[in-house]
């Protein structure tokens, strides 16, 4: 039954995504940006509903009060699952993801990403990509947008050793805006690899901001310690929940 419900959810999640992309495309490009985000949030909410109904997962969102209200900022997010890629959209007014350039070429999704002015990165040209990323992020942040970056670059399993890249530190040094660390435990409920999803409470928490002004080493140390400490706490909290029915395996990078 667990496998059947998981496969059904993944099928319906992808079907829901595809249908909404097709349905909204004719009108999407004529919508104002703020109305466009309403469409995207509708997709996010419907995806959460599907997961709750089919899998039984509950959700807890914490630290919303830590998000600045009247300025642009960076979000440095832990990344364990597909789940957080759309859940964060529910709490941000005008977010901009830093993503692989190849994603911009995908029909429908890429069109939406371009419409909403996401920031593509050419990973094959590291130094040039870093400069271009910083320039685009700084411009958008100055317009009051919220820039989302996954400091580890890709999804990691729930207990993988941290592997933070230099990009977030470079952005912190150059942009001089607050950084909001974000921790979660989604990898226990919708793992990076595998076809099973699990019950329990998936938690996403925005942590207190890191203000500009720290040295690069001090910032990196504080960011990693902040995210990893809280993530470990959330993983432990999830496993102590009697509703949790997964059996996670510790892994090492």
C-alpha atoms as a PDB file:
ATOM      1  CA  UNK A   1       0.000   0.000   0.000  1.00  0.00           C
ATOM      2  CA  UNK A   2       2.863   2.412   0.823  1.00  0.00           C
ATOM      3  CA  UNK A   3       4.473   1.860  -2.570  1.00  0.00           C
ATOM      4  CA  UNK A   4       1.131   2.144  -4.381  1.00  0.00           C
ATOM      5  CA  UNK A   5       0.244   5.438  -2.673  1.00  0.00           C
ATOM      6  CA  UNK A   6       3.729   6.825  -3.304  1.00  0.00           C
ATOM      7  CA  UNK A   7       3.693   5.919  -6.999  1.00  0.00           C
ATOM      8  CA  UNK A   8       0.181   7.333  -7.323  1.00  0.00           C
ATOM      9  CA  UNK A   9       1.238  10.588  -5.662  1.00  0.00           C
ATOM     10  CA  UNK A  10       4.303  11.014  -7.873  1.00  0.00           C
ATOM     11  CA  UNK A  11       2.188  10.309 -10.961  1.00  0.00           C
ATOM     12  CA  UNK A  12      -0.515  12.794  -9.921  1.00  0.00           C
ATOM     13  CA  UNK A  13       2.067  15.374  -8.824  1.00  0.00           C
ATOM     14  CA  UNK A  14       3.663  15.310 -12.271  1.00  0.00           C
ATOM     15  CA  UNK A  15       0.277  15.206 -13.991  1.00  0.00           C
ATOM     16  CA  UNK A  16      -0.923  18.168 -11.923  1.00  0.00           C
ATOM     17  CA  UNK A  17       2.239  20.071 -12.809  1.00  0.00           C
ATOM     18  CA  UNK A  18       1.871  19.307 -16.519  1.00  0.00           C
ATOM     19  CA  UNK A  19      -1.837  20.168 -16.645  1.00  0.00           C
ATOM     20  CA  UNK A  20      -1.370  23.464 -14.853  1.00  0.00           C
ATOM     21  CA  UNK A  21       1.547  24.404 -17.109  1.00  0.00           C
ATOM     22  CA  UNK A  22      -0.595  23.715 -20.183  1.00  0.00           C
ATOM     23  CA  UNK A  23      -3.761  25.296 -18.775  1.00  0.00           C
ATOM     24  CA  UNK A  24      -2.169  28.537 -17.594  1.00  0.00           C
ATOM     25  CA  UNK A  25       0.279  29.099 -20.443  1.00  0.00           C
ATOM     26  CA  UNK A  26      -2.141  31.042 -22.735  1.00  0.00           C
ATOM     27  CA  UNK A  27      -2.936  33.546 -19.988  1.00  0.00           C
ATOM     28  CA  UNK A  28       0.289  33.464 -17.998  1.00  0.00           C
ATOM     29  CA  UNK A  29       2.315  35.773 -20.237  1.00  0.00           C
ATOM     30  CA  UNK A  30      -0.346  38.470 -20.053  1.00  0.00           C
ATOM     31  CA  UNK A  31      -0.545  38.442 -16.255  1.00  0.00           C
ATOM     32  CA  UNK A  32       1.230  40.924 -14.033  1.00  0.00           C
ATOM     33  CA  UNK A  33       4.076  39.401 -12.037  1.00  0.00           C
ATOM     34  CA  UNK A  34       2.100  39.437  -8.783  1.00  0.00           C
ATOM     35  CA  UNK A  35      -0.795  37.616 -10.465  1.00  0.00           C
ATOM     36  CA  UNK A  36       1.626  35.167 -12.041  1.00  0.00           C
ATOM     37  CA  UNK A  37       2.862  34.206  -8.576  1.00  0.00           C
ATOM     38  CA  UNK A  38      -0.738  33.516  -7.532  1.00  0.00           C
ATOM     39  CA  UNK A  39      -0.886  30.880 -10.267  1.00  0.00           C
ATOM     40  CA  UNK A  40       2.390  29.315  -9.109  1.00  0.00           C
ATOM     41  CA  UNK A  41       1.231  29.270  -5.475  1.00  0.00           C
ATOM     42  CA  UNK A  42      -1.983  27.538  -6.515  1.00  0.00           C
ATOM     43  CA  UNK A  43       0.170  24.758  -7.975  1.00  0.00           C
ATOM     44  CA  UNK A  44       2.186  24.590  -4.745  1.00  0.00           C
ATOM     45  CA  UNK A  45      -0.909  24.381  -2.537  1.00  0.00           C
ATOM     46  CA  UNK A  46      -2.507  21.701  -4.715  1.00  0.00           C
ATOM     47  CA  UNK A  47       0.722  19.664  -4.512  1.00  0.00           C
ATOM     48  CA  UNK A  48       0.738  19.889  -0.715  1.00  0.00           C
ATOM     49  CA  UNK A  49      -2.893  18.801  -0.627  1.00  0.00           C
ATOM     50  CA  UNK A  50      -2.151  15.763  -2.790  1.00  0.00           C
ATOM     51  CA  UNK A  51       0.729  14.701  -0.544  1.00  0.00           C
ATOM     52  CA  UNK A  52      -1.363  15.104   2.596  1.00  0.00           C
ATOM     53  CA  UNK A  53      -4.335  13.166   1.223  1.00  0.00           C
ATOM     54  CA  UNK A  54      -2.439  10.331  -0.461  1.00  0.00           C
ATOM     55  CA  UNK A  55       0.563   9.906   1.845  1.00  0.00           C
ATOM     56  CA  UNK A  56      -0.705  11.350   5.111  1.00  0.00           C
ATOM     57  CA  UNK A  57       2.198  13.784   5.496  1.00  0.00           C
ATOM     58  CA  UNK A  58       1.576  16.832   7.664  1.00  0.00           C
ATOM     59  CA  UNK A  59       3.438  20.133   7.339  1.00  0.00           C
ATOM     60  CA  UNK A  60       4.856  22.665   9.789  1.00  0.00           C
ATOM     61  CA  UNK A  61       6.256  26.027   8.670  1.00  0.00           C
ATOM     62  CA  UNK A  62       8.321  27.958  11.200  1.00  0.00           C
ATOM     63  CA  UNK A  63      10.259  31.202  11.442  1.00  0.00           C
ATOM     64  CA  UNK A  64       8.125  33.160   8.978  1.00  0.00           C
ATOM     65  CA  UNK A  65       8.700  36.185  11.199  1.00  0.00           C
ATOM     66  CA  UNK A  66      12.419  36.054  10.316  1.00  0.00           C
ATOM     67  CA  UNK A  67      11.751  37.050   6.701  1.00  0.00           C
ATOM     68  CA  UNK A  68      12.443  40.775   6.076  1.00  0.00           C
ATOM     69  CA  UNK A  69       9.348  42.541   4.794  1.00  0.00           C
ATOM     70  CA  UNK A  70      10.656  45.635   3.061  1.00  0.00           C
ATOM     71  CA  UNK A  71      13.951  44.748   1.406  1.00  0.00           C
ATOM     72  CA  UNK A  72      15.605  42.230  -0.862  1.00  0.00           C
ATOM     73  CA  UNK A  73      17.543  39.394   0.737  1.00  0.00           C
ATOM     74  CA  UNK A  74      19.160  36.023   0.139  1.00  0.00           C
ATOM     75  CA  UNK A  75      17.782  32.681   1.287  1.00  0.00           C
ATOM     76  CA  UNK A  76      20.404  29.957   1.752  1.00  0.00           C
ATOM     77  CA  UNK A  77      18.300  26.804   1.810  1.00  0.00           C
ATOM     78  CA  UNK A  78      19.022  23.211   2.739  1.00  0.00           C
ATOM     79  CA  UNK A  79      17.975  20.997  -0.164  1.00  0.00           C
ATOM     80  CA  UNK A  80      16.890  17.387   0.395  1.00  0.00           C
ATOM     81  CA  UNK A  81      13.784  16.959  -1.737  1.00  0.00           C
ATOM     82  CA  UNK A  82      11.580  18.251  -4.540  1.00  0.00           C
ATOM     83  CA  UNK A  83       9.203  19.414  -1.807  1.00  0.00           C
ATOM     84  CA  UNK A  84      10.957  22.630  -0.766  1.00  0.00           C
ATOM     85  CA  UNK A  85      11.387  23.853  -4.345  1.00  0.00           C
ATOM     86  CA  UNK A  86       7.736  24.847  -4.444  1.00  0.00           C
ATOM     87  CA  UNK A  87       6.855  25.176  -0.760  1.00  0.00           C
ATOM     88  CA  UNK A  88       9.061  28.252  -0.283  1.00  0.00           C
ATOM     89  CA  UNK A  89       7.012  30.037  -2.942  1.00  0.00           C
ATOM     90  CA  UNK A  90       4.074  30.156  -0.541  1.00  0.00           C
ATOM     91  CA  UNK A  91       5.884  32.548   1.807  1.00  0.00           C
ATOM     92  CA  UNK A  92       7.773  34.873  -0.534  1.00  0.00           C
ATOM     93  CA  UNK A  93       6.330  37.838  -2.409  1.00  0.00           C
ATOM     94  CA  UNK A  94       8.590  37.856  -5.477  1.00  0.00           C
ATOM     95  CA  UNK A  95      11.234  35.104  -5.266  1.00  0.00           C
ATOM     96  CA  UNK A  96      13.955  34.380  -7.799  1.00  0.00           C
ATOM     97  CA  UNK A  97      15.665  30.994  -7.945  1.00  0.00           C
ATOM     98  CA  UNK A  98      19.251  30.488  -8.997  1.00  0.00           C
ATOM     99  CA  UNK A  99      19.041  27.423 -11.225  1.00  0.00           C
ATOM    100  CA  UNK A 100      20.870  25.482 -13.920  1.00  0.00           C
ATOM    101  CA  UNK A 101      20.756  27.206 -17.295  1.00  0.00           C
ATOM    102  CA  UNK A 102      19.580  23.977 -18.956  1.00  0.00           C
ATOM    103  CA  UNK A 103      16.265  24.206 -17.101  1.00  0.00           C
ATOM    104  CA  UNK A 104      15.441  27.401 -18.975  1.00  0.00           C
ATOM    105  CA  UNK A 105      15.278  25.421 -22.232  1.00  0.00           C
ATOM    106  CA  UNK A 106      12.562  23.016 -21.051  1.00  0.00           C
ATOM    107  CA  UNK A 107       9.251  23.726 -22.853  1.00  0.00           C
ATOM    108  CA  UNK A 108       6.623  25.374 -20.660  1.00  0.00           C
ATOM    109  CA  UNK A 109       8.699  25.241 -17.444  1.00  0.00           C
ATOM    110  CA  UNK A 110      11.504  27.236 -19.036  1.00  0.00           C
ATOM    111  CA  UNK A 111       9.009  29.751 -20.406  1.00  0.00           C
ATOM    112  CA  UNK A 112       7.553  30.259 -16.945  1.00  0.00           C
ATOM    113  CA  UNK A 113      11.048  30.570 -15.454  1.00  0.00           C
ATOM    114  CA  UNK A 114      11.947  33.255 -17.973  1.00  0.00           C
ATOM    115  CA  UNK A 115       8.679  35.086 -17.395  1.00  0.00           C
ATOM    116  CA  UNK A 116       9.337  35.169 -13.642  1.00  0.00           C
ATOM    117  CA  UNK A 117      12.987  36.208 -14.249  1.00  0.00           C
ATOM    118  CA  UNK A 118      14.801  33.314 -12.623  1.00  0.00           C
ATOM    119  CA  UNK A 119      18.616  33.486 -12.608  1.00  0.00           C
ATOM    120  CA  UNK A 120      20.231  30.835 -14.837  1.00  0.00           C
ATOM    121  CA  UNK A 121      23.772  29.656 -14.168  1.00  0.00           C
ATOM    122  CA  UNK A 122      26.101  28.079 -16.722  1.00  0.00           C
ATOM    123  CA  UNK A 123      27.965  25.596 -14.527  1.00  0.00           C
ATOM    124  CA  UNK A 124      30.452  24.871 -17.283  1.00  0.00           C
ATOM    125  CA  UNK A 125      31.963  28.369 -16.984  1.00  0.00           C
ATOM    126  CA  UNK A 126      32.596  28.746 -13.283  1.00  0.00           C
ATOM    127  CA  UNK A 127      34.271  32.147 -12.967  1.00  0.00           C
ATOM    128  CA  UNK A 128      32.103  33.763 -15.628  1.00  0.00           C
ATOM    129  CA  UNK A 129      28.998  32.093 -14.191  1.00  0.00           C
ATOM    130  CA  UNK A 130      29.798  33.375 -10.695  1.00  0.00           C
ATOM    131  CA  UNK A 131      30.166  36.957 -11.941  1.00  0.00           C
ATOM    132  CA  UNK A 132      26.984  36.789 -14.004  1.00  0.00           C
ATOM    133  CA  UNK A 133      25.059  35.219 -11.116  1.00  0.00           C
ATOM    134  CA  UNK A 134      26.187  37.901  -8.690  1.00  0.00           C
ATOM    135  CA  UNK A 135      25.348  40.706 -11.094  1.00  0.00           C
ATOM    136  CA  UNK A 136      21.841  39.407 -11.818  1.00  0.00           C
ATOM    137  CA  UNK A 137      21.155  38.598  -8.155  1.00  0.00           C
ATOM    138  CA  UNK A 138      22.330  42.047  -7.011  1.00  0.00           C
ATOM    139  CA  UNK A 139      20.116  43.778  -9.569  1.00  0.00           C
ATOM    140  CA  UNK A 140      17.053  41.784  -8.606  1.00  0.00           C
ATOM    141  CA  UNK A 141      17.726  42.074  -4.882  1.00  0.00           C
ATOM    142  CA  UNK A 142      17.928  45.871  -5.275  1.00  0.00           C
ATOM    143  CA  UNK A 143      14.413  45.663  -6.698  1.00  0.00           C
ATOM    144  CA  UNK A 144      13.229  44.017  -3.481  1.00  0.00           C
ATOM    145  CA  UNK A 145      13.236  40.410  -4.684  1.00  0.00           C
ATOM    146  CA  UNK A 146      14.112  37.380  -2.570  1.00  0.00           C
ATOM    147  CA  UNK A 147      17.004  35.404  -4.078  1.00  0.00           C
ATOM    148  CA  UNK A 148      16.965  31.652  -3.349  1.00  0.00           C
ATOM    149  CA  UNK A 149      20.154  29.622  -3.557  1.00  0.00           C
ATOM    150  CA  UNK A 150      20.943  26.079  -2.484  1.00  0.00           C
ATOM    151  CA  UNK A 151      24.479  26.410  -1.063  1.00  0.00           C
ATOM    152  CA  UNK A 152      25.234  22.728  -1.630  1.00  0.00           C
ATOM    153  CA  UNK A 153      24.245  23.002  -5.270  1.00  0.00           C
ATOM    154  CA  UNK A 154      21.922  20.012  -5.466  1.00  0.00           C
ATOM    155  CA  UNK A 155      19.662  17.786  -3.399  1.00  0.00           C
ATOM    156  CA  UNK A 156      21.399  15.833  -0.660  1.00  0.00           C
ATOM    157  CA  UNK A 157      20.135  12.824   1.281  1.00  0.00           C
ATOM    158  CA  UNK A 158      18.855  13.480   4.779  1.00  0.00           C
ATOM    159  CA  UNK A 159      22.021  12.384   6.582  1.00  0.00           C
ATOM    160  CA  UNK A 160      24.637  13.236   3.980  1.00  0.00           C
ATOM    161  CA  UNK A 161      27.688  15.141   5.167  1.00  0.00           C
ATOM    162  CA  UNK A 162      27.390  18.857   4.285  1.00  0.00           C
ATOM    163  CA  UNK A 163      29.021  20.010   1.050  1.00  0.00           C
ATOM    164  CA  UNK A 164      28.683  23.796   0.819  1.00  0.00           C
ATOM    165  CA  UNK A 165      29.983  25.599  -2.274  1.00  0.00           C
ATOM    166  CA  UNK A 166      31.693  28.990  -2.434  1.00  0.00           C
ATOM    167  CA  UNK A 167      28.880  30.672  -4.377  1.00  0.00           C
ATOM    168  CA  UNK A 168      26.815  31.740  -1.370  1.00  0.00           C
ATOM    169  CA  UNK A 169      29.863  33.234   0.367  1.00  0.00           C
ATOM    170  CA  UNK A 170      30.802  35.181  -2.752  1.00  0.00           C
ATOM    171  CA  UNK A 171      27.256  36.548  -2.982  1.00  0.00           C
ATOM    172  CA  UNK A 172      27.247  37.516   0.705  1.00  0.00           C
ATOM    173  CA  UNK A 173      30.529  39.404   0.307  1.00  0.00           C
ATOM    174  CA  UNK A 174      29.451  41.276  -2.803  1.00  0.00           C
ATOM    175  CA  UNK A 175      25.737  41.921  -2.300  1.00  0.00           C
ATOM    176  CA  UNK A 176      25.879  43.059   1.328  1.00  0.00           C
ATOM    177  CA  UNK A 177      22.303  42.068   2.107  1.00  0.00           C
ATOM    178  CA  UNK A 178      20.876  39.857   4.869  1.00  0.00           C
ATOM    179  CA  UNK A 179      21.054  36.091   4.413  1.00  0.00           C
ATOM    180  CA  UNK A 180      18.228  33.955   5.783  1.00  0.00           C
ATOM    181  CA  UNK A 181      19.383  30.370   6.488  1.00  0.00           C
ATOM    182  CA  UNK A 182      16.709  27.717   5.974  1.00  0.00           C
ATOM    183  CA  UNK A 183      16.644  24.235   7.513  1.00  0.00           C
ATOM    184  CA  UNK A 184      14.281  21.318   6.924  1.00  0.00           C
ATOM    185  CA  UNK A 185      13.774  17.569   7.240  1.00  0.00           C
ATOM    186  CA  UNK A 186      11.999  16.848   3.938  1.00  0.00           C
ATOM    187  CA  UNK A 187      14.499  14.169   2.928  1.00  0.00           C
ATOM    188  CA  UNK A 188      12.935  11.797   5.455  1.00  0.00           C
ATOM    189  CA  UNK A 189       9.508  12.061   3.838  1.00  0.00           C
ATOM    190  CA  UNK A 190      10.248  12.495   0.129  1.00  0.00           C
ATOM    191  CA  UNK A 191      13.776  11.097  -0.338  1.00  0.00           C
ATOM    192  CA  UNK A 192      16.097  12.212  -3.095  1.00  0.00           C
ATOM    193  CA  UNK A 193      16.286   8.668  -4.427  1.00  0.00           C
ATOM    194  CA  UNK A 194      13.557   6.061  -4.126  1.00  0.00           C
ATOM    195  CA  UNK A 195       9.871   5.728  -4.819  1.00  0.00           C
ATOM    196  CA  UNK A 196       8.457   5.740  -1.282  1.00  0.00           C
ATOM    197  CA  UNK A 197       7.055   8.749   0.566  1.00  0.00           C
ATOM    198  CA  UNK A 198       6.283   8.670   4.282  1.00  0.00           C
ATOM    199  CA  UNK A 199       3.892   9.975   6.925  1.00  0.00           C
ATOM    200  CA  UNK A 200       4.895  12.320   9.714  1.00  0.00           C
ATOM    201  CA  UNK A 201       5.493  16.059   9.883  1.00  0.00           C
ATOM    202  CA  UNK A 202       7.688  17.699   7.281  1.00  0.00           C
ATOM    203  CA  UNK A 203       9.167  20.866   8.776  1.00  0.00           C
ATOM    204  CA  UNK A 204      10.615  23.902   7.033  1.00  0.00           C
ATOM    205  CA  UNK A 205      12.143  26.615   9.223  1.00  0.00           C
ATOM    206  CA  UNK A 206      13.461  30.044   8.282  1.00  0.00           C
ATOM    207  CA  UNK A 207      16.214  30.886  10.768  1.00  0.00           C
ATOM    208  CA  UNK A 208      17.344  34.283  12.120  1.00  0.00           C
ATOM    209  CA  UNK A 209      19.064  36.423   9.519  1.00  0.00           C
ATOM    210  CA  UNK A 210      22.801  36.797   9.157  1.00  0.00           C
ATOM    211  CA  UNK A 211      23.497  40.484   8.644  1.00  0.00           C
ATOM    212  CA  UNK A 212      26.176  41.709   6.222  1.00  0.00           C
ATOM    213  CA  UNK A 213      29.608  42.636   7.591  1.00  0.00           C
ATOM    214  CA  UNK A 214      31.156  39.319   8.611  1.00  0.00           C
ATOM    215  CA  UNK A 215      34.387  38.086   7.074  1.00  0.00           C
ATOM    216  CA  UNK A 216      33.977  35.360   4.474  1.00  0.00           C
ATOM    217  CA  UNK A 217      35.328  32.675   6.827  1.00  0.00           C
ATOM    218  CA  UNK A 218      33.138  33.802   9.719  1.00  0.00           C
ATOM    219  CA  UNK A 219      30.076  33.919   7.511  1.00  0.00           C
ATOM    220  CA  UNK A 220      30.656  30.477   6.030  1.00  0.00           C
ATOM    221  CA  UNK A 221      31.237  28.926   9.445  1.00  0.00           C
ATOM    222  CA  UNK A 222      28.140  30.549  10.906  1.00  0.00           C
ATOM    223  CA  UNK A 223      25.942  29.633   7.943  1.00  0.00           C
ATOM    224  CA  UNK A 224      26.969  25.968   7.906  1.00  0.00           C
ATOM    225  CA  UNK A 225      26.693  25.594  11.683  1.00  0.00           C
ATOM    226  CA  UNK A 226      23.302  27.326  11.766  1.00  0.00           C
ATOM    227  CA  UNK A 227      21.721  25.269   8.986  1.00  0.00           C
ATOM    228  CA  UNK A 228      23.274  21.920   9.905  1.00  0.00           C
ATOM    229  CA  UNK A 229      22.537  22.207  13.639  1.00  0.00           C
ATOM    230  CA  UNK A 230      18.895  23.057  13.058  1.00  0.00           C
ATOM    231  CA  UNK A 231      18.518  20.439  10.317  1.00  0.00           C
ATOM    232  CA  UNK A 232      19.846  17.756  12.683  1.00  0.00           C
ATOM    233  CA  UNK A 233      17.298  18.866  15.292  1.00  0.00           C
ATOM    234  CA  UNK A 234      14.448  18.708  12.786  1.00  0.00           C
ATOM    235  CA  UNK A 235      15.498  15.247  11.602  1.00  0.00           C
ATOM    236  CA  UNK A 236      15.555  14.028  15.184  1.00  0.00           C
ATOM    237  CA  UNK A 237      12.189  15.639  15.913  1.00  0.00           C
ATOM    238  CA  UNK A 238      10.663  13.885  12.900  1.00  0.00           C
ATOM    239  CA  UNK A 239      11.916  10.467  13.965  1.00  0.00           C
ATOM    240  CA  UNK A 240      10.507  10.907  17.453  1.00  0.00           C
ATOM    241  CA  UNK A 241       7.061  11.646  16.008  1.00  0.00           C
ATOM    242  CA  UNK A 242       4.864   8.537  16.473  1.00  0.00           C
ATOM    243  CA  UNK A 243       3.269   9.269  13.081  1.00  0.00           C
ATOM    244  CA  UNK A 244       6.583   8.876  11.253  1.00  0.00           C
ATOM    245  CA  UNK A 245       6.617   5.539   9.422  1.00  0.00           C
ATOM    246  CA  UNK A 246       9.914   5.755   7.543  1.00  0.00           C
ATOM    247  CA  UNK A 247      13.163   3.955   8.316  1.00  0.00           C
ATOM    248  CA  UNK A 248      15.897   6.393   7.231  1.00  0.00           C
ATOM    249  CA  UNK A 249      19.436   5.160   6.669  1.00  0.00           C
ATOM    250  CA  UNK A 250      22.371   7.345   7.563  1.00  0.00           C
ATOM    251  CA  UNK A 251      24.617   7.984   4.600  1.00  0.00           C
ATOM    252  CA  UNK A 252      27.938   9.700   4.038  1.00  0.00           C
ATOM    253  CA  UNK A 253      28.899  11.853   1.099  1.00  0.00           C
END
